[in-house]
């Protein structure tokens, strides 16, 4: 069972109303995608998650536009990217 951060509807609405160029932390990006931060980290390490930007040696940020683009590739009810072909 995956433990997810409790995210209020107001917080989600605020995250989804941001401009595409805004950067989010891993925790915020995970809430945006309804994932746990550890799942998002795993996706990043396995190069299957949304595009991200490294700032410095340890800081990772996600653009809202990249999160929207990634979310549009997910299959409903499964959560895996659609395979082309």
N, C-alpha and C. Protein backbone atom coordinates (compact mmCIF):
# COMPACT_ATOMS: atom_id res chain seq x y z
N UNK A 1 0.84 -1.18 0.00
CA UNK A 1 0.00 0.00 0.00
C UNK A 1 0.89 1.24 0.00
N UNK A 2 0.60 2.17 -0.88
CA UNK A 2 1.39 3.39 -0.99
C UNK A 2 0.76 4.48 -0.14
N UNK A 3 1.57 5.10 0.69
CA UNK A 3 1.11 6.20 1.51
C UNK A 3 1.19 7.48 0.70
N UNK A 4 0.10 8.16 0.52
CA UNK A 4 0.08 9.40 -0.26
C UNK A 4 -0.10 10.58 0.68
N UNK A 5 0.45 11.69 0.29
CA UNK A 5 0.29 12.90 1.08
C UNK A 5 -1.15 13.36 1.01
N UNK A 6 -1.65 13.78 2.14
CA UNK A 6 -3.01 14.32 2.17
C UNK A 6 -2.98 15.69 1.48
N UNK A 7 -3.67 15.80 0.38
CA UNK A 7 -3.69 17.04 -0.39
C UNK A 7 -5.13 17.50 -0.52
N UNK A 8 -5.37 18.71 -0.07
CA UNK A 8 -6.74 19.22 -0.12
C UNK A 8 -7.12 19.58 -1.55
N UNK A 9 -8.39 19.64 -1.78
CA UNK A 9 -8.91 20.03 -3.09
C UNK A 9 -8.46 21.43 -3.45
N UNK A 10 -8.38 22.31 -2.46
CA UNK A 10 -7.95 23.68 -2.71
C UNK A 10 -6.49 23.72 -3.15
N UNK A 11 -5.66 22.90 -2.52
CA UNK A 11 -4.24 22.84 -2.90
C UNK A 11 -4.08 22.30 -4.31
N UNK A 12 -4.82 21.24 -4.64
CA UNK A 12 -4.77 20.68 -5.99
C UNK A 12 -5.23 21.70 -7.03
N UNK A 13 -6.30 22.40 -6.72
CA UNK A 13 -6.80 23.43 -7.64
C UNK A 13 -5.76 24.51 -7.85
N UNK A 14 -5.06 24.89 -6.78
CA UNK A 14 -4.01 25.90 -6.89
C UNK A 14 -2.85 25.40 -7.75
N UNK A 15 -2.43 24.15 -7.55
CA UNK A 15 -1.35 23.58 -8.34
C UNK A 15 -1.73 23.52 -9.82
N UNK A 16 -2.94 23.09 -10.10
CA UNK A 16 -3.37 22.93 -11.49
C UNK A 16 -3.66 24.27 -12.18
N UNK A 17 -3.77 25.35 -11.42
CA UNK A 17 -4.03 26.66 -12.03
C UNK A 17 -2.74 27.41 -12.36
N UNK A 18 -1.59 26.85 -11.99
CA UNK A 18 -0.31 27.52 -12.23
C UNK A 18 0.05 27.53 -13.72
N UNK A 19 0.84 28.52 -14.11
CA UNK A 19 1.31 28.65 -15.49
C UNK A 19 2.29 27.51 -15.80
N UNK A 20 2.40 27.14 -17.06
CA UNK A 20 3.25 26.01 -17.47
C UNK A 20 4.73 26.18 -17.14
N UNK A 21 5.21 27.40 -17.00
CA UNK A 21 6.63 27.63 -16.74
C UNK A 21 7.02 27.63 -15.26
N UNK A 22 6.06 27.44 -14.38
CA UNK A 22 6.34 27.43 -12.94
C UNK A 22 7.02 26.12 -12.57
N UNK A 23 8.02 26.20 -11.68
CA UNK A 23 8.71 25.02 -11.19
C UNK A 23 8.08 24.52 -9.89
N UNK A 24 7.93 23.21 -9.78
CA UNK A 24 7.41 22.59 -8.56
C UNK A 24 8.46 21.65 -7.97
N UNK A 25 8.42 21.51 -6.66
CA UNK A 25 9.30 20.55 -5.99
C UNK A 25 8.79 19.14 -6.27
N UNK A 26 9.57 18.15 -5.90
CA UNK A 26 9.15 16.76 -6.09
C UNK A 26 7.85 16.49 -5.33
N UNK A 27 7.75 16.99 -4.13
CA UNK A 27 6.54 16.78 -3.33
C UNK A 27 5.31 17.40 -3.99
N UNK A 28 5.46 18.64 -4.48
CA UNK A 28 4.36 19.31 -5.15
C UNK A 28 4.00 18.62 -6.46
N UNK A 29 5.02 18.21 -7.22
CA UNK A 29 4.78 17.52 -8.49
C UNK A 29 4.07 16.19 -8.26
N UNK A 30 4.45 15.49 -7.21
CA UNK A 30 3.79 14.23 -6.88
C UNK A 30 2.32 14.46 -6.56
N UNK A 31 2.03 15.51 -5.81
CA UNK A 31 0.63 15.84 -5.50
C UNK A 31 -0.12 16.18 -6.78
N UNK A 32 0.51 16.93 -7.68
CA UNK A 32 -0.09 17.30 -8.97
C UNK A 32 -0.51 16.06 -9.75
N UNK A 33 0.34 15.01 -9.71
CA UNK A 33 0.09 13.77 -10.46
C UNK A 33 -0.62 12.70 -9.64
N UNK A 34 -0.94 13.01 -8.39
CA UNK A 34 -1.58 12.05 -7.49
C UNK A 34 -0.70 10.81 -7.29
N UNK A 35 0.58 11.05 -7.06
CA UNK A 35 1.56 10.00 -6.78
C UNK A 35 2.22 10.29 -5.44
N UNK A 36 2.92 9.30 -4.92
CA UNK A 36 3.76 9.57 -3.75
C UNK A 36 5.08 10.14 -4.25
N UNK A 37 5.75 10.96 -3.45
CA UNK A 37 7.06 11.48 -3.86
C UNK A 37 8.05 10.36 -4.16
N UNK A 38 8.00 9.27 -3.42
CA UNK A 38 8.95 8.17 -3.68
C UNK A 38 8.66 7.51 -5.03
N UNK A 39 7.40 7.42 -5.44
CA UNK A 39 7.09 6.89 -6.77
C UNK A 39 7.63 7.80 -7.85
N UNK A 40 7.47 9.11 -7.68
CA UNK A 40 7.99 10.06 -8.66
C UNK A 40 9.52 9.97 -8.73
N UNK A 41 10.18 9.81 -7.59
CA UNK A 41 11.64 9.62 -7.57
C UNK A 41 12.03 8.36 -8.31
N UNK A 42 11.29 7.29 -8.11
CA UNK A 42 11.58 6.02 -8.78
C UNK A 42 11.43 6.18 -10.29
N UNK A 43 10.34 6.85 -10.71
CA UNK A 43 10.13 7.09 -12.14
C UNK A 43 11.31 7.88 -12.73
N UNK A 44 11.76 8.91 -12.00
CA UNK A 44 12.86 9.73 -12.49
C UNK A 44 14.14 8.90 -12.62
N UNK A 45 14.44 8.10 -11.61
CA UNK A 45 15.66 7.27 -11.64
C UNK A 45 15.62 6.24 -12.76
N UNK A 46 14.43 5.79 -13.13
CA UNK A 46 14.28 4.80 -14.19
C UNK A 46 13.95 5.43 -15.54
N UNK A 47 14.00 6.75 -15.59
CA UNK A 47 13.79 7.53 -16.81
C UNK A 47 12.44 7.24 -17.50
N UNK A 48 11.41 7.07 -16.69
CA UNK A 48 10.08 6.85 -17.26
C UNK A 48 9.08 7.90 -16.81
N UNK A 49 9.52 8.84 -16.03
CA UNK A 49 8.60 9.87 -15.52
C UNK A 49 8.64 11.13 -16.34
N UNK A 50 8.03 12.18 -15.81
CA UNK A 50 8.00 13.47 -16.52
C UNK A 50 9.39 14.09 -16.59
N UNK A 51 9.58 14.99 -17.55
CA UNK A 51 10.84 15.73 -17.67
C UNK A 51 11.05 16.56 -16.41
N UNK A 52 12.31 16.70 -16.04
CA UNK A 52 12.66 17.46 -14.84
C UNK A 52 13.90 18.29 -15.10
N UNK A 53 14.19 19.19 -14.17
CA UNK A 53 15.37 20.05 -14.26
C UNK A 53 16.15 19.88 -12.97
N UNK A 54 17.46 19.65 -13.09
CA UNK A 54 18.32 19.61 -11.90
C UNK A 54 18.89 21.00 -11.69
N UNK A 55 18.74 21.50 -10.49
CA UNK A 55 19.28 22.80 -10.11
C UNK A 55 20.34 22.55 -9.05
N UNK A 56 21.58 22.69 -9.43
CA UNK A 56 22.65 22.35 -8.51
C UNK A 56 22.89 20.85 -8.55
N UNK A 57 23.42 20.31 -7.47
CA UNK A 57 23.76 18.89 -7.44
C UNK A 57 22.64 18.00 -6.94
N UNK A 58 21.72 18.54 -6.14
CA UNK A 58 20.69 17.69 -5.55
C UNK A 58 19.25 18.15 -5.79
N UNK A 59 19.06 19.40 -6.10
CA UNK A 59 17.71 19.93 -6.22
C UNK A 59 17.09 19.57 -7.56
N UNK A 60 15.90 18.97 -7.50
CA UNK A 60 15.16 18.58 -8.71
C UNK A 60 13.85 19.36 -8.72
N UNK A 61 13.52 19.91 -9.87
CA UNK A 61 12.26 20.64 -10.04
C UNK A 61 11.58 20.17 -11.32
N UNK A 62 10.27 20.28 -11.32
CA UNK A 62 9.44 19.89 -12.46
C UNK A 62 8.65 21.10 -12.93
N UNK A 63 8.66 21.34 -14.23
CA UNK A 63 7.82 22.41 -14.79
C UNK A 63 6.38 21.90 -14.86
N UNK A 64 5.45 22.77 -14.56
CA UNK A 64 4.03 22.40 -14.60
C UNK A 64 3.66 21.92 -16.00
N UNK A 65 4.19 22.57 -17.04
CA UNK A 65 3.90 22.15 -18.41
C UNK A 65 4.37 20.73 -18.69
N UNK A 66 5.53 20.35 -18.14
CA UNK A 66 6.04 18.98 -18.33
C UNK A 66 5.16 17.98 -17.60
N UNK A 67 4.63 18.37 -16.44
CA UNK A 67 3.73 17.48 -15.70
C UNK A 67 2.42 17.28 -16.46
N UNK A 68 1.90 18.36 -17.04
CA UNK A 68 0.67 18.25 -17.85
C UNK A 68 0.90 17.35 -19.07
N UNK A 69 2.04 17.53 -19.74
CA UNK A 69 2.35 16.72 -20.91
C UNK A 69 2.47 15.25 -20.52
N UNK A 70 3.14 14.97 -19.41
CA UNK A 70 3.29 13.59 -18.94
C UNK A 70 1.93 12.99 -18.59
N UNK A 71 1.12 13.75 -17.88
CA UNK A 71 -0.20 13.25 -17.47
C UNK A 71 -1.06 12.91 -18.69
N UNK A 72 -0.88 13.64 -19.77
CA UNK A 72 -1.68 13.37 -20.97
C UNK A 72 -1.28 12.06 -21.65
N UNK A 73 -0.11 11.52 -21.30
CA UNK A 73 0.33 10.25 -21.90
C UNK A 73 -0.11 9.04 -21.09
N UNK A 74 -0.70 9.26 -19.93
CA UNK A 74 -1.08 8.15 -19.07
C UNK A 74 -2.39 7.52 -19.51
N UNK A 75 -2.47 6.21 -19.40
CA UNK A 75 -3.70 5.50 -19.73
C UNK A 75 -4.64 5.55 -18.53
N UNK A 76 -5.91 5.88 -18.73
CA UNK A 76 -6.86 5.96 -17.63
C UNK A 76 -6.95 4.65 -16.85
N UNK A 77 -6.88 4.74 -15.54
CA UNK A 77 -7.04 3.58 -14.67
C UNK A 77 -5.81 2.73 -14.52
N UNK A 78 -4.79 2.97 -15.35
CA UNK A 78 -3.59 2.14 -15.27
C UNK A 78 -2.39 2.97 -14.82
N UNK A 79 -2.28 4.20 -15.30
CA UNK A 79 -1.22 5.07 -14.89
C UNK A 79 0.09 4.90 -15.62
N UNK A 80 0.14 4.02 -16.61
CA UNK A 80 1.35 3.86 -17.39
C UNK A 80 1.22 4.64 -18.69
N UNK A 81 2.35 5.13 -19.21
CA UNK A 81 2.28 5.87 -20.48
C UNK A 81 1.74 5.00 -21.61
N UNK A 82 1.01 5.66 -22.52
CA UNK A 82 0.49 4.97 -23.71
C UNK A 82 1.68 4.57 -24.59
N UNK A 83 1.63 3.41 -25.14
CA UNK A 83 2.67 2.96 -26.06
C UNK A 83 2.24 3.32 -27.48
N UNK A 84 3.13 3.89 -28.23
CA UNK A 84 2.80 4.24 -29.61
C UNK A 84 3.05 3.07 -30.52
N UNK A 85 2.23 2.96 -31.56
CA UNK A 85 2.48 1.92 -32.54
C UNK A 85 1.36 1.04 -32.81
